[in-house]
Amino acid sequence: MALTHKSRRRWSLAILLIGLPLYILVAWGLVGMLERPNVLIELAIYASLGVLWALPFKAVFKGVGKGDPDAPEE
């Protein structure tokens, strides 16, 4: 099922405003349950988790910042 440009914009906004803060809280909680690792290891964990969340949503975010390709020319 292909998403229209308008629905991709709405989904991306919902993901950024609702899903990302929830993901941050879960990641923070999971890393907090570990014994305090070395600062560099902790930084690497947070950096990899910061990239990992966006991979499943790559198709939703692709082209959202551009104009609607299906809109009529003005």
PDB file of N, CA and C in Angstrom:
ATOM      1  N   MET A   1       0.846  -1.172   0.000  1.00  0.00           N
ATOM      2  CA  MET A   1       0.000   0.000   0.000  1.00  0.00           C
ATOM      3  C   MET A   1       0.892   1.235   0.000  1.00  0.00           C
ATOM      4  N   ALA A   2       0.784   2.035  -1.023  1.00  0.00           N
ATOM      5  CA  ALA A   2       1.575   3.240  -1.131  1.00  0.00           C
ATOM      6  C   ALA A   2       0.869   4.384  -0.406  1.00  0.00           C
ATOM      7  N   LEU A   3       1.634   5.142   0.339  1.00  0.00           N
ATOM      8  CA  LEU A   3       1.087   6.289   1.051  1.00  0.00           C
ATOM      9  C   LEU A   3       1.122   7.518   0.158  1.00  0.00           C
ATOM     10  N   THR A   4       0.097   8.323   0.244  1.00  0.00           N
ATOM     11  CA  THR A   4       0.106   9.580  -0.483  1.00  0.00           C
ATOM     12  C   THR A   4       1.039  10.549   0.235  1.00  0.00           C
ATOM     13  N   HIS A   5       1.360  11.623  -0.452  1.00  0.00           N
ATOM     14  CA  HIS A   5       2.252  12.620   0.128  1.00  0.00           C
ATOM     15  C   HIS A   5       1.641  13.220   1.400  1.00  0.00           C
ATOM     16  N   LYS A   6       0.359  13.482   1.370  1.00  0.00           N
ATOM     17  CA  LYS A   6      -0.326  14.070   2.521  1.00  0.00           C
ATOM     18  C   LYS A   6      -0.315  13.115   3.715  1.00  0.00           C
ATOM     19  N   SER A   7      -0.556  11.837   3.473  1.00  0.00           N
ATOM     20  CA  SER A   7      -0.553  10.874   4.576  1.00  0.00           C
ATOM     21  C   SER A   7       0.862  10.651   5.106  1.00  0.00           C
ATOM     22  N   ARG A   8       1.877  10.686   4.235  1.00  0.00           N
ATOM     23  CA  ARG A   8       3.261  10.573   4.704  1.00  0.00           C
ATOM     24  C   ARG A   8       3.630  11.743   5.600  1.00  0.00           C
ATOM     25  N   ARG A   9       3.160  12.948   5.245  1.00  0.00           N
ATOM     26  CA  ARG A   9       3.429  14.117   6.082  1.00  0.00           C
ATOM     27  C   ARG A   9       2.771  13.969   7.441  1.00  0.00           C
ATOM     28  N   ARG A  10       1.544  13.481   7.473  1.00  0.00           N
ATOM     29  CA  ARG A  10       0.839  13.307   8.748  1.00  0.00           C
ATOM     30  C   ARG A  10       1.512  12.230   9.600  1.00  0.00           C
ATOM     31  N   TRP A  11       1.873  11.099   8.984  1.00  0.00           N
ATOM     32  CA  TRP A  11       2.530  10.031   9.726  1.00  0.00           C
ATOM     33  C   TRP A  11       3.888  10.482  10.249  1.00  0.00           C
ATOM     34  N   SER A  12       4.636  11.213   9.454  1.00  0.00           N
ATOM     35  CA  SER A  12       5.948  11.672   9.910  1.00  0.00           C
ATOM     36  C   SER A  12       5.811  12.634  11.088  1.00  0.00           C
ATOM     37  N   LEU A  13       4.803  13.486  11.062  1.00  0.00           N
ATOM     38  CA  LEU A  13       4.563  14.393  12.178  1.00  0.00           C
ATOM     39  C   LEU A  13       4.179  13.619  13.436  1.00  0.00           C
ATOM     40  N   ALA A  14       3.327  12.619  13.295  1.00  0.00           N
ATOM     41  CA  ALA A  14       2.931  11.793  14.443  1.00  0.00           C
ATOM     42  C   ALA A  14       4.125  11.023  15.001  1.00  0.00           C
ATOM     43  N   ILE A  15       4.961  10.505  14.126  1.00  0.00           N
ATOM     44  CA  ILE A  15       6.140   9.761  14.569  1.00  0.00           C
ATOM     45  C   ILE A  15       7.089  10.677  15.332  1.00  0.00           C
ATOM     46  N   LEU A  16       7.292  11.893  14.825  1.00  0.00           N
ATOM     47  CA  LEU A  16       8.222  12.811  15.472  1.00  0.00           C
ATOM     48  C   LEU A  16       7.686  13.372  16.782  1.00  0.00           C
ATOM     49  N   LEU A  17       6.388  13.633  16.858  1.00  0.00           N
ATOM     50  CA  LEU A  17       5.831  14.252  18.060  1.00  0.00           C
ATOM     51  C   LEU A  17       5.425  13.261  19.143  1.00  0.00           C
ATOM     52  N   ILE A  18       5.071  12.046  18.761  1.00  0.00           N
ATOM     53  CA  ILE A  18       4.606  11.060  19.740  1.00  0.00           C
ATOM     54  C   ILE A  18       5.599   9.912  19.870  1.00  0.00           C
ATOM     55  N   GLY A  19       5.976   9.324  18.742  1.00  0.00           N
ATOM     56  CA  GLY A  19       6.818   8.137  18.768  1.00  0.00           C
ATOM     57  C   GLY A  19       8.244   8.390  19.221  1.00  0.00           C
ATOM     58  N   LEU A  20       8.846   9.463  18.763  1.00  0.00           N
ATOM     59  CA  LEU A  20      10.236   9.732  19.115  1.00  0.00           C
ATOM     60  C   LEU A  20      10.421  10.014  20.603  1.00  0.00           C
ATOM     61  N   PRO A  21       9.585  10.846  21.245  1.00  0.00           N
ATOM     62  CA  PRO A  21       9.761  11.007  22.698  1.00  0.00           C
ATOM     63  C   PRO A  21       9.568   9.703  23.472  1.00  0.00           C
ATOM     64  N   LEU A  22       8.625   8.871  23.044  1.00  0.00           N
ATOM     65  CA  LEU A  22       8.448   7.577  23.703  1.00  0.00           C
ATOM     66  C   LEU A  22       9.676   6.694  23.515  1.00  0.00           C
ATOM     67  N   TYR A  23      10.234   6.697  22.317  1.00  0.00           N
ATOM     68  CA  TYR A  23      11.443   5.912  22.041  1.00  0.00           C
ATOM     69  C   TYR A  23      12.610   6.412  22.893  1.00  0.00           C
ATOM     70  N   ILE A  24      12.722   7.721  23.056  1.00  0.00           N
ATOM     71  CA  ILE A  24      13.801   8.282  23.872  1.00  0.00           C
ATOM     72  C   ILE A  24      13.667   7.813  25.315  1.00  0.00           C
ATOM     73  N   LEU A  25      12.444   7.834  25.842  1.00  0.00           N
ATOM     74  CA  LEU A  25      12.229   7.388  27.215  1.00  0.00           C
ATOM     75  C   LEU A  25      12.559   5.906  27.384  1.00  0.00           C
ATOM     76  N   VAL A  26      12.164   5.086  26.419  1.00  0.00           N
ATOM     77  CA  VAL A  26      12.462   3.652  26.492  1.00  0.00           C
ATOM     78  C   VAL A  26      13.969   3.414  26.399  1.00  0.00           C
ATOM     79  N   ALA A  27      14.640   4.087  25.458  1.00  0.00           N
ATOM     80  CA  ALA A  27      16.089   3.915  25.317  1.00  0.00           C
ATOM     81  C   ALA A  27      16.811   4.388  26.570  1.00  0.00           C
ATOM     82  N   TRP A  28      16.389   5.489  27.133  1.00  0.00           N
ATOM     83  CA  TRP A  28      16.991   6.033  28.341  1.00  0.00           C
ATOM     84  C   TRP A  28      16.803   5.063  29.503  1.00  0.00           C
ATOM     85  N   GLY A  29      15.614   4.488  29.593  1.00  0.00           N
ATOM     86  CA  GLY A  29      15.344   3.519  30.651  1.00  0.00           C
ATOM     87  C   GLY A  29      16.164   2.253  30.505  1.00  0.00           C
ATOM     88  N   LEU A  30      16.295   1.762  29.265  1.00  0.00           N
ATOM     89  CA  LEU A  30      17.082   0.542  29.045  1.00  0.00           C
ATOM     90  C   LEU A  30      18.556   0.748  29.347  1.00  0.00           C
ATOM     91  N   VAL A  31      19.104   1.877  28.942  1.00  0.00           N
ATOM     92  CA  VAL A  31      20.509   2.154  29.219  1.00  0.00           C
ATOM     93  C   VAL A  31      20.689   2.423  30.714  1.00  0.00           C
ATOM     94  N   GLY A  32      19.681   2.995  31.354  1.00  0.00           N
ATOM     95  CA  GLY A  32      19.756   3.244  32.786  1.00  0.00           C
ATOM     96  C   GLY A  32      19.749   1.968  33.608  1.00  0.00           C
ATOM     97  N   MET A  33      19.141   0.909  33.075  1.00  0.00           N
ATOM     98  CA  MET A  33      19.121  -0.363  33.795  1.00  0.00           C
ATOM     99  C   MET A  33      20.490  -1.051  33.779  1.00  0.00           C
ATOM    100  N   LEU A  34      21.327  -0.712  32.823  1.00  0.00           N
ATOM    101  CA  LEU A  34      22.686  -1.258  32.785  1.00  0.00           C
ATOM    102  C   LEU A  34      23.498  -0.630  33.907  1.00  0.00           C
ATOM    103  N   GLU A  35      24.512  -1.340  34.339  1.00  0.00           N
ATOM    104  CA  GLU A  35      25.449  -0.689  35.246  1.00  0.00           C
ATOM    105  C   GLU A  35      26.152   0.391  34.457  1.00  0.00           C
ATOM    106  N   ARG A  36      26.471   1.475  35.100  1.00  0.00           N
ATOM    107  CA  ARG A  36      27.035   2.639  34.408  1.00  0.00           C
ATOM    108  C   ARG A  36      28.273   2.237  33.596  1.00  0.00           C
ATOM    109  N   PRO A  37      28.142   2.200  32.238  1.00  0.00           N
ATOM    110  CA  PRO A  37      29.313   1.841  31.424  1.00  0.00           C
ATOM    111  C   PRO A  37      30.264   3.027  31.277  1.00  0.00           C
ATOM    112  N   ASN A  38      31.359   2.788  30.624  1.00  0.00           N
ATOM    113  CA  ASN A  38      32.306   3.838  30.296  1.00  0.00           C
ATOM    114  C   ASN A  38      31.585   4.921  29.490  1.00  0.00           C
ATOM    115  N   VAL A  39      31.995   6.156  29.621  1.00  0.00           N
ATOM    116  CA  VAL A  39      31.335   7.279  28.957  1.00  0.00           C
ATOM    117  C   VAL A  39      31.342   7.095  27.443  1.00  0.00           C
ATOM    118  N   LEU A  40      32.434   6.617  26.880  1.00  0.00           N
ATOM    119  CA  LEU A  40      32.508   6.429  25.434  1.00  0.00           C
ATOM    120  C   LEU A  40      31.582   5.305  24.971  1.00  0.00           C
ATOM    121  N   ILE A  41      31.466   4.259  25.767  1.00  0.00           N
ATOM    122  CA  ILE A  41      30.557   3.165  25.413  1.00  0.00           C
ATOM    123  C   ILE A  41      29.107   3.657  25.498  1.00  0.00           C
ATOM    124  N   GLU A  42      28.817   4.431  26.533  1.00  0.00           N
ATOM    125  CA  GLU A  42      27.466   4.983  26.676  1.00  0.00           C
ATOM    126  C   GLU A  42      27.136   5.915  25.515  1.00  0.00           C
ATOM    127  N   LEU A  43      28.093   6.721  25.106  1.00  0.00           N
ATOM    128  CA  LEU A  43      27.902   7.609  23.965  1.00  0.00           C
ATOM    129  C   LEU A  43      27.659   6.814  22.687  1.00  0.00           C
ATOM    130  N   ALA A  44      28.403   5.722  22.503  1.00  0.00           N
ATOM    131  CA  ALA A  44      28.216   4.868  21.327  1.00  0.00           C
ATOM    132  C   ALA A  44      26.840   4.205  21.342  1.00  0.00           C
ATOM    133  N   ILE A  45      26.373   3.799  22.520  1.00  0.00           N
ATOM    134  CA  ILE A  45      25.042   3.193  22.622  1.00  0.00           C
ATOM    135  C   ILE A  45      23.972   4.204  22.231  1.00  0.00           C
ATOM    136  N   TYR A  46      24.055   5.410  22.794  1.00  0.00           N
ATOM    137  CA  TYR A  46      23.056   6.438  22.480  1.00  0.00           C
ATOM    138  C   TYR A  46      23.116   6.857  21.007  1.00  0.00           C
ATOM    139  N   ALA A  47      24.313   6.931  20.441  1.00  0.00           N
ATOM    140  CA  ALA A  47      24.440   7.308  19.027  1.00  0.00           C
ATOM    141  C   ALA A  47      23.844   6.239  18.122  1.00  0.00           C
ATOM    142  N   SER A  48      24.107   4.978  18.437  1.00  0.00           N
ATOM    143  CA  SER A  48      23.550   3.909  17.598  1.00  0.00           C
ATOM    144  C   SER A  48      22.036   3.821  17.755  1.00  0.00           C
ATOM    145  N   LEU A  49      21.513   3.999  18.963  1.00  0.00           N
ATOM    146  CA  LEU A  49      20.066   4.021  19.156  1.00  0.00           C
ATOM    147  C   LEU A  49      19.435   5.228  18.471  1.00  0.00           C
ATOM    148  N   GLY A  50      20.177   6.335  18.403  1.00  0.00           N
ATOM    149  CA  GLY A  50      19.682   7.530  17.732  1.00  0.00           C
ATOM    150  C   GLY A  50      19.525   7.340  16.233  1.00  0.00           C
ATOM    151  N   VAL A  51      20.340   6.514  15.642  1.00  0.00           N
ATOM    152  CA  VAL A  51      20.229   6.231  14.209  1.00  0.00           C
ATOM    153  C   VAL A  51      19.243   5.085  13.971  1.00  0.00           C
ATOM    154  N   LEU A  52      19.221   4.141  14.874  1.00  0.00           N
ATOM    155  CA  LEU A  52      18.413   2.933  14.710  1.00  0.00           C
ATOM    156  C   LEU A  52      16.917   3.218  14.635  1.00  0.00           C
ATOM    157  N   TRP A  53      16.429   4.234  15.342  1.00  0.00           N
ATOM    158  CA  TRP A  53      14.988   4.486  15.371  1.00  0.00           C
ATOM    159  C   TRP A  53      14.468   4.924  14.003  1.00  0.00           C
ATOM    160  N   ALA A  54      15.281   5.578  13.212  1.00  0.00           N
ATOM    161  CA  ALA A  54      14.817   6.144  11.948  1.00  0.00           C
ATOM    162  C   ALA A  54      14.797   5.135  10.803  1.00  0.00           C
ATOM    163  N   LEU A  55      15.531   4.058  10.905  1.00  0.00           N
ATOM    164  CA  LEU A  55      15.624   3.109   9.795  1.00  0.00           C
ATOM    165  C   LEU A  55      14.278   2.504   9.382  1.00  0.00           C
ATOM    166  N   PRO A  56      13.417   2.087  10.307  1.00  0.00           N
ATOM    167  CA  PRO A  56      12.136   1.529   9.855  1.00  0.00           C
ATOM    168  C   PRO A  56      11.207   2.566   9.202  1.00  0.00           C
ATOM    169  N   PHE A  57      11.434   3.840   9.503  1.00  0.00           N
ATOM    170  CA  PHE A  57      10.548   4.888   9.000  1.00  0.00           C
ATOM    171  C   PHE A  57      11.132   5.640   7.809  1.00  0.00           C
ATOM    172  N   LYS A  58      12.146   5.091   7.198  1.00  0.00           N
ATOM    173  CA  LYS A  58      12.822   5.752   6.075  1.00  0.00           C
ATOM    174  C   LYS A  58      11.848   6.061   4.937  1.00  0.00           C
ATOM    175  N   ALA A  59      10.951   5.127   4.629  1.00  0.00           N
ATOM    176  CA  ALA A  59      10.001   5.334   3.533  1.00  0.00           C
ATOM    177  C   ALA A  59       8.986   6.418   3.869  1.00  0.00           C
ATOM    178  N   VAL A  60       8.656   6.559   5.143  1.00  0.00           N
ATOM    179  CA  VAL A  60       7.681   7.584   5.536  1.00  0.00           C
ATOM    180  C   VAL A  60       8.290   8.972   5.427  1.00  0.00           C
ATOM    181  N   PHE A  61       9.545   9.118   5.843  1.00  0.00           N
ATOM    182  CA  PHE A  61      10.185  10.432   5.844  1.00  0.00           C
ATOM    183  C   PHE A  61      10.706  10.859   4.473  1.00  0.00           C
ATOM    184  N   LYS A  62      10.839   9.937   3.546  1.00  0.00           N
ATOM    185  CA  LYS A  62      11.437  10.251   2.243  1.00  0.00           C
ATOM    186  C   LYS A  62      10.531  11.204   1.442  1.00  0.00           C
ATOM    187  N   GLY A  63      11.051  12.369   1.105  1.00  0.00           N
ATOM    188  CA  GLY A  63      10.345  13.322   0.274  1.00  0.00           C
ATOM    189  C   GLY A  63       9.320  14.166   0.984  1.00  0.00           C
ATOM    190  N   VAL A  64       9.252  14.104   2.308  1.00  0.00           N
ATOM    191  CA  VAL A  64       8.249  14.876   3.039  1.00  0.00           C
ATOM    192  C   VAL A  64       8.553  16.368   2.983  1.00  0.00           C
ATOM    193  N   GLY A  65       9.807  16.743   2.968  1.00  0.00           N
ATOM    194  CA  GLY A  65      10.178  18.150   2.949  1.00  0.00           C
ATOM    195  C   GLY A  65       9.999  18.820   1.600  1.00  0.00           C
ATOM    196  N   LYS A  66       9.750  18.043   0.568  1.00  0.00           N
ATOM    197  CA  LYS A  66       9.563  18.604  -0.771  1.00  0.00           C
ATOM    198  C   LYS A  66       8.088  18.865  -1.013  1.00  0.00           C
ATOM    199  N   GLY A  67       7.780  19.537  -2.083  1.00  0.00           N
ATOM    200  CA  GLY A  67       6.401  19.792  -2.436  1.00  0.00           C
ATOM    201  C   GLY A  67       5.697  18.522  -2.892  1.00  0.00           C
ATOM    202  N   ASP A  68       4.366  18.580  -2.903  1.00  0.00           N
ATOM    203  CA  ASP A  68       3.571  17.427  -3.301  1.00  0.00           C
ATOM    204  C   ASP A  68       3.776  17.169  -4.799  1.00  0.00           C
ATOM    205  N   PRO A  69       4.278  15.991  -5.168  1.00  0.00           N
ATOM    206  CA  PRO A  69       4.512  15.716  -6.592  1.00  0.00           C
ATOM    207  C   PRO A  69       3.227  15.528  -7.382  1.00  0.00           C
ATOM    208  N   ASP A  70       2.130  15.238  -6.707  1.00  0.00           N
ATOM    209  CA  ASP A  70       0.853  15.024  -7.392  1.00  0.00           C
ATOM    210  C   ASP A  70       0.004  16.301  -7.481  1.00  0.00           C
ATOM    211  N   ALA A  71       0.464  17.377  -6.882  1.00  0.00           N
ATOM    212  CA  ALA A  71      -0.297  18.636  -6.901  1.00  0.00           C
ATOM    213  C   ALA A  71      -0.230  19.242  -8.304  1.00  0.00           C
ATOM    214  N   PRO A  72      -1.322  19.898  -8.727  1.00  0.00           N
ATOM    215  CA  PRO A  72      -1.294  20.546 -10.049  1.00  0.00           C
ATOM    216  C   PRO A  72      -0.337  21.736 -10.059  1.00  0.00           C
ATOM    217  N   GLU A  73       0.250  21.968 -11.194  1.00  0.00           N
ATOM    218  CA  GLU A  73       1.175  23.099 -11.350  1.00  0.00           C
ATOM    219  C   GLU A  73       0.401  24.413 -11.222  1.00  0.00           C
ATOM    220  N   GLU A  74       1.032  25.393 -10.603  1.00  0.00           N
ATOM    221  CA  GLU A  74       0.386  26.705 -10.456  1.00  0.00           C
ATOM    222  C   GLU A  74       0.712  27.595 -11.631  1.00  0.00           C
TER     223      GLU A  74
END
